[in-house]
Structures are given as structure tokens and as C-alpha cells.
Amino acid sequence: QVQLVESGGGLVQPGGSLRLSCAASGFAFSVYGMSWYRADPGKERELVATITPGGGSTNYADSVKGRFTISRDNAKNTVYLQMNSLKPEDTAVYYCNFRRSGVSYWGQGTQVTVSS
């Protein structure tokens, strides 16, 4: 069955960096666009970044442009989110996602906390 497993979250100081990974299985990873979302308690889930199946095109939320980079390795069925210059407002649970036939699939999420 479809599985998305995020990792790489943790506690980091403002200005620091983290690299999130999402290992995918159970579907044809290389033919689907992938996304990263984040959610903070009490707030709606926010789309952070997207990447096309071949990795040739990416899009970012205005709040993370210039700081975050989404990438993918189709040979490893993995999508990444490199996060630099982290701010306290980036604190959230980060989820990877893809949609197939109108259905959204989510991982369990990984917590990112930016605090001094």
C-alpha cells in the first residue's frame, strides 16, 4: 500500500538549517508531483512547496521563497525539503503529500521546532 514516511525534523535555533526527507513506497513515485505541507496547531495546513514528477519545476509559498528548496531523487523514491535561515514561525509539523485520482495521501509528519 501507499506509504510516505517523513524524517529529519528536530529542534533548531533561528537561522539554522534542516533537511527533511520523505521516503515513498507503494506507488509509481516518478510519475507524480509531490508536495510538502506544514501545519501548526490551530492553523490550517499550509502548502509549502511542490515539485513536478521529473523535478524540472518547483513552486514555493511566498513565506519560504529563497530559504527552502524542494528536490527529489526518483531512483530512491524520495523527496526532500532543504530548509535554511529558519525562523520561529517555521515551527510546525511538516508533511509530504501527493494526489492520485482525486485522493490525497499523507505521511505521519515530522516536527520542526525553531527556537533559541
C-alpha atoms as a PDB file:
ATOM      1  CA  GLN A   1       0.000   0.000   0.000  1.00  0.00           C
ATOM      2  CA  VAL A   2       0.984   3.638  -0.303  1.00  0.00           C
ATOM      3  CA  GLN A   3       3.417   4.804   2.340  1.00  0.00           C
ATOM      4  CA  LEU A   4       5.003   8.195   2.878  1.00  0.00           C
ATOM      5  CA  VAL A   5       7.495   8.369   5.734  1.00  0.00           C
ATOM      6  CA  GLU A   6       8.924  11.736   6.716  1.00  0.00           C
ATOM      7  CA  SER A   7      12.107  12.190   8.716  1.00  0.00           C
ATOM      8  CA  GLY A   8      14.691  14.824   9.549  1.00  0.00           C
ATOM      9  CA  GLY A   9      12.729  17.121  11.821  1.00  0.00           C
ATOM     10  CA  GLY A  10      14.008  18.384  15.125  1.00  0.00           C
ATOM     11  CA  LEU A  11      14.869  21.388  17.251  1.00  0.00           C
ATOM     12  CA  VAL A  12      16.995  24.070  15.623  1.00  0.00           C
ATOM     13  CA  GLN A  13      17.983  27.616  16.536  1.00  0.00           C
ATOM     14  CA  PRO A  14      16.777  30.574  14.459  1.00  0.00           C
ATOM     15  CA  GLY A  15      18.980  30.936  11.401  1.00  0.00           C
ATOM     16  CA  GLY A  16      19.762  27.244  11.340  1.00  0.00           C
ATOM     17  CA  SER A  17      19.079  24.593   8.733  1.00  0.00           C
ATOM     18  CA  LEU A  18      17.337  21.249   8.482  1.00  0.00           C
ATOM     19  CA  ARG A  19      16.829  18.780   5.658  1.00  0.00           C
ATOM     20  CA  LEU A  20      13.609  16.814   5.637  1.00  0.00           C
ATOM     21  CA  SER A  21      13.199  13.571   3.726  1.00  0.00           C
ATOM     22  CA  CYS A  22      10.088  11.711   2.634  1.00  0.00           C
ATOM     23  CA  ALA A  23      10.554   8.085   1.590  1.00  0.00           C
ATOM     24  CA  ALA A  24       7.758   6.879  -0.677  1.00  0.00           C
ATOM     25  CA  SER A  25       6.615   3.362  -1.486  1.00  0.00           C
ATOM     26  CA  GLY A  26       3.625   1.506  -2.875  1.00  0.00           C
ATOM     27  CA  PHE A  27       3.088   3.658  -5.967  1.00  0.00           C
ATOM     28  CA  ALA A  28       4.868   4.832  -9.111  1.00  0.00           C
ATOM     29  CA  PHE A  29       6.725   7.690  -7.441  1.00  0.00           C
ATOM     30  CA  SER A  30       8.378   9.049 -10.586  1.00  0.00           C
ATOM     31  CA  VAL A  31       5.098   9.880 -12.338  1.00  0.00           C
ATOM     32  CA  TYR A  32       3.586  12.031  -9.601  1.00  0.00           C
ATOM     33  CA  GLY A  33       4.191  15.551  -8.451  1.00  0.00           C
ATOM     34  CA  MET A  34       4.998  15.777  -4.780  1.00  0.00           C
ATOM     35  CA  SER A  35       4.359  18.453  -2.185  1.00  0.00           C
ATOM     36  CA  TRP A  36       5.379  19.481   1.288  1.00  0.00           C
ATOM     37  CA  TYR A  37       2.791  20.980   3.627  1.00  0.00           C
ATOM     38  CA  ARG A  38       3.042  22.193   7.200  1.00  0.00           C
ATOM     39  CA  ALA A  39       0.539  22.542   9.995  1.00  0.00           C
ATOM     40  CA  ASP A  40       0.655  24.389  13.278  1.00  0.00           C
ATOM     41  CA  PRO A  41      -1.944  23.664  15.956  1.00  0.00           C
ATOM     42  CA  GLY A  42      -4.915  25.938  15.451  1.00  0.00           C
ATOM     43  CA  LYS A  43      -3.958  26.841  11.897  1.00  0.00           C
ATOM     44  CA  GLU A  44      -4.902  25.454   8.521  1.00  0.00           C
ATOM     45  CA  ARG A  45      -2.466  23.189   6.750  1.00  0.00           C
ATOM     46  CA  GLU A  46      -0.242  25.358   4.508  1.00  0.00           C
ATOM     47  CA  LEU A  47       1.237  24.329   1.175  1.00  0.00           C
ATOM     48  CA  VAL A  48       4.984  24.942   1.411  1.00  0.00           C
ATOM     49  CA  ALA A  49       6.468  23.625  -1.847  1.00  0.00           C
ATOM     50  CA  THR A  50       5.694  21.461  -4.862  1.00  0.00           C
ATOM     51  CA  ILE A  51       7.796  19.655  -7.430  1.00  0.00           C
ATOM     52  CA  THR A  52       6.871  18.099 -10.765  1.00  0.00           C
ATOM     53  CA  PRO A  53       7.404  14.379 -11.459  1.00  0.00           C
ATOM     54  CA  GLY A  54      10.725  14.897 -13.232  1.00  0.00           C
ATOM     55  CA  GLY A  55      11.881  17.570 -10.817  1.00  0.00           C
ATOM     56  CA  GLY A  56      12.167  20.210 -13.502  1.00  0.00           C
ATOM     57  CA  SER A  57       9.700  22.654 -11.989  1.00  0.00           C
ATOM     58  CA  THR A  58       9.147  23.778  -8.415  1.00  0.00           C
ATOM     59  CA  ASN A  59       6.901  26.244  -6.630  1.00  0.00           C
ATOM     60  CA  TYR A  60       7.056  27.745  -3.162  1.00  0.00           C
ATOM     61  CA  ALA A  61       4.886  29.615  -0.719  1.00  0.00           C
ATOM     62  CA  ASP A  62       5.879  33.256  -0.505  1.00  0.00           C
ATOM     63  CA  SER A  63       6.780  32.744   3.144  1.00  0.00           C
ATOM     64  CA  VAL A  64       9.600  30.317   2.300  1.00  0.00           C
ATOM     65  CA  LYS A  65      10.851  31.515  -1.094  1.00  0.00           C
ATOM     66  CA  GLY A  66      14.594  31.933  -1.145  1.00  0.00           C
ATOM     67  CA  ARG A  67      15.023  29.893   2.050  1.00  0.00           C
ATOM     68  CA  PHE A  68      13.580  26.444   1.267  1.00  0.00           C
ATOM     69  CA  THR A  69      14.408  24.125  -1.626  1.00  0.00           C
ATOM     70  CA  ILE A  70      12.371  21.092  -2.670  1.00  0.00           C
ATOM     71  CA  SER A  71      14.082  18.334  -4.622  1.00  0.00           C
ATOM     72  CA  ARG A  72      13.588  14.665  -5.418  1.00  0.00           C
ATOM     73  CA  ASP A  73      15.570  11.555  -6.248  1.00  0.00           C
ATOM     74  CA  ASN A  74      13.382   9.269  -8.332  1.00  0.00           C
ATOM     75  CA  ALA A  75      15.939   6.459  -8.117  1.00  0.00           C
ATOM     76  CA  LYS A  76      15.486   6.493  -4.334  1.00  0.00           C
ATOM     77  CA  ASN A  77      11.751   7.281  -4.308  1.00  0.00           C
ATOM     78  CA  THR A  78      12.485  10.186  -2.004  1.00  0.00           C
ATOM     79  CA  VAL A  79      11.541  13.848  -1.901  1.00  0.00           C
ATOM     80  CA  TYR A  80      13.496  16.354   0.168  1.00  0.00           C
ATOM     81  CA  LEU A  81      12.959  19.774   1.682  1.00  0.00           C
ATOM     82  CA  GLN A  82      16.112  21.728   2.453  1.00  0.00           C
ATOM     83  CA  MET A  83      15.257  24.480   4.921  1.00  0.00           C
ATOM     84  CA  ASN A  84      17.744  27.291   5.538  1.00  0.00           C
ATOM     85  CA  SER A  85      17.579  30.520   7.532  1.00  0.00           C
ATOM     86  CA  LEU A  86      14.872  29.020   9.693  1.00  0.00           C
ATOM     87  CA  LYS A  87      12.595  31.326  11.666  1.00  0.00           C
ATOM     88  CA  PRO A  88      10.433  30.664  14.727  1.00  0.00           C
ATOM     89  CA  GLU A  89       7.370  30.994  12.505  1.00  0.00           C
ATOM     90  CA  ASP A  90       8.544  27.953  10.542  1.00  0.00           C
ATOM     91  CA  THR A  91       7.747  25.817  13.595  1.00  0.00           C
ATOM     92  CA  ALA A  92       5.169  23.219  12.529  1.00  0.00           C
ATOM     93  CA  VAL A  93       4.625  19.592  11.679  1.00  0.00           C
ATOM     94  CA  TYR A  94       5.779  19.038   8.100  1.00  0.00           C
ATOM     95  CA  TYR A  95       4.017  16.531   5.848  1.00  0.00           C
ATOM     96  CA  CYS A  96       4.726  15.217   2.388  1.00  0.00           C
ATOM     97  CA  ASN A  97       1.811  14.644   0.047  1.00  0.00           C
ATOM     98  CA  PHE A  98       0.744  13.533  -3.373  1.00  0.00           C
ATOM     99  CA  ARG A  99      -2.606  13.203  -5.091  1.00  0.00           C
ATOM    100  CA  ARG A 100      -3.780  10.298  -7.215  1.00  0.00           C
ATOM    101  CA  SER A 101      -7.206  10.060  -8.821  1.00  0.00           C
ATOM    102  CA  GLY A 102      -8.525  12.801  -6.584  1.00  0.00           C
ATOM    103  CA  VAL A 103      -7.267  11.225  -3.370  1.00  0.00           C
ATOM    104  CA  SER A 104      -4.638  12.903  -1.199  1.00  0.00           C
ATOM    105  CA  TYR A 105      -2.060  10.762   0.527  1.00  0.00           C
ATOM    106  CA  TRP A 106      -0.169  11.963   3.600  1.00  0.00           C
ATOM    107  CA  GLY A 107       2.686  10.812   5.726  1.00  0.00           C
ATOM    108  CA  GLN A 108       2.655  10.909   9.515  1.00  0.00           C
ATOM    109  CA  GLY A 109       4.591  14.175   9.617  1.00  0.00           C
ATOM    110  CA  THR A 110       7.813  15.302  11.225  1.00  0.00           C
ATOM    111  CA  GLN A 111       8.021  18.052  13.848  1.00  0.00           C
ATOM    112  CA  VAL A 112      10.219  21.071  13.190  1.00  0.00           C
ATOM    113  CA  THR A 113      10.756  23.450  16.095  1.00  0.00           C
ATOM    114  CA  VAL A 114      12.726  26.663  15.638  1.00  0.00           C
ATOM    115  CA  SER A 115      13.608  28.176  18.973  1.00  0.00           C
ATOM    116  CA  SER A 116      16.535  29.594  20.881  1.00  0.00           C
END
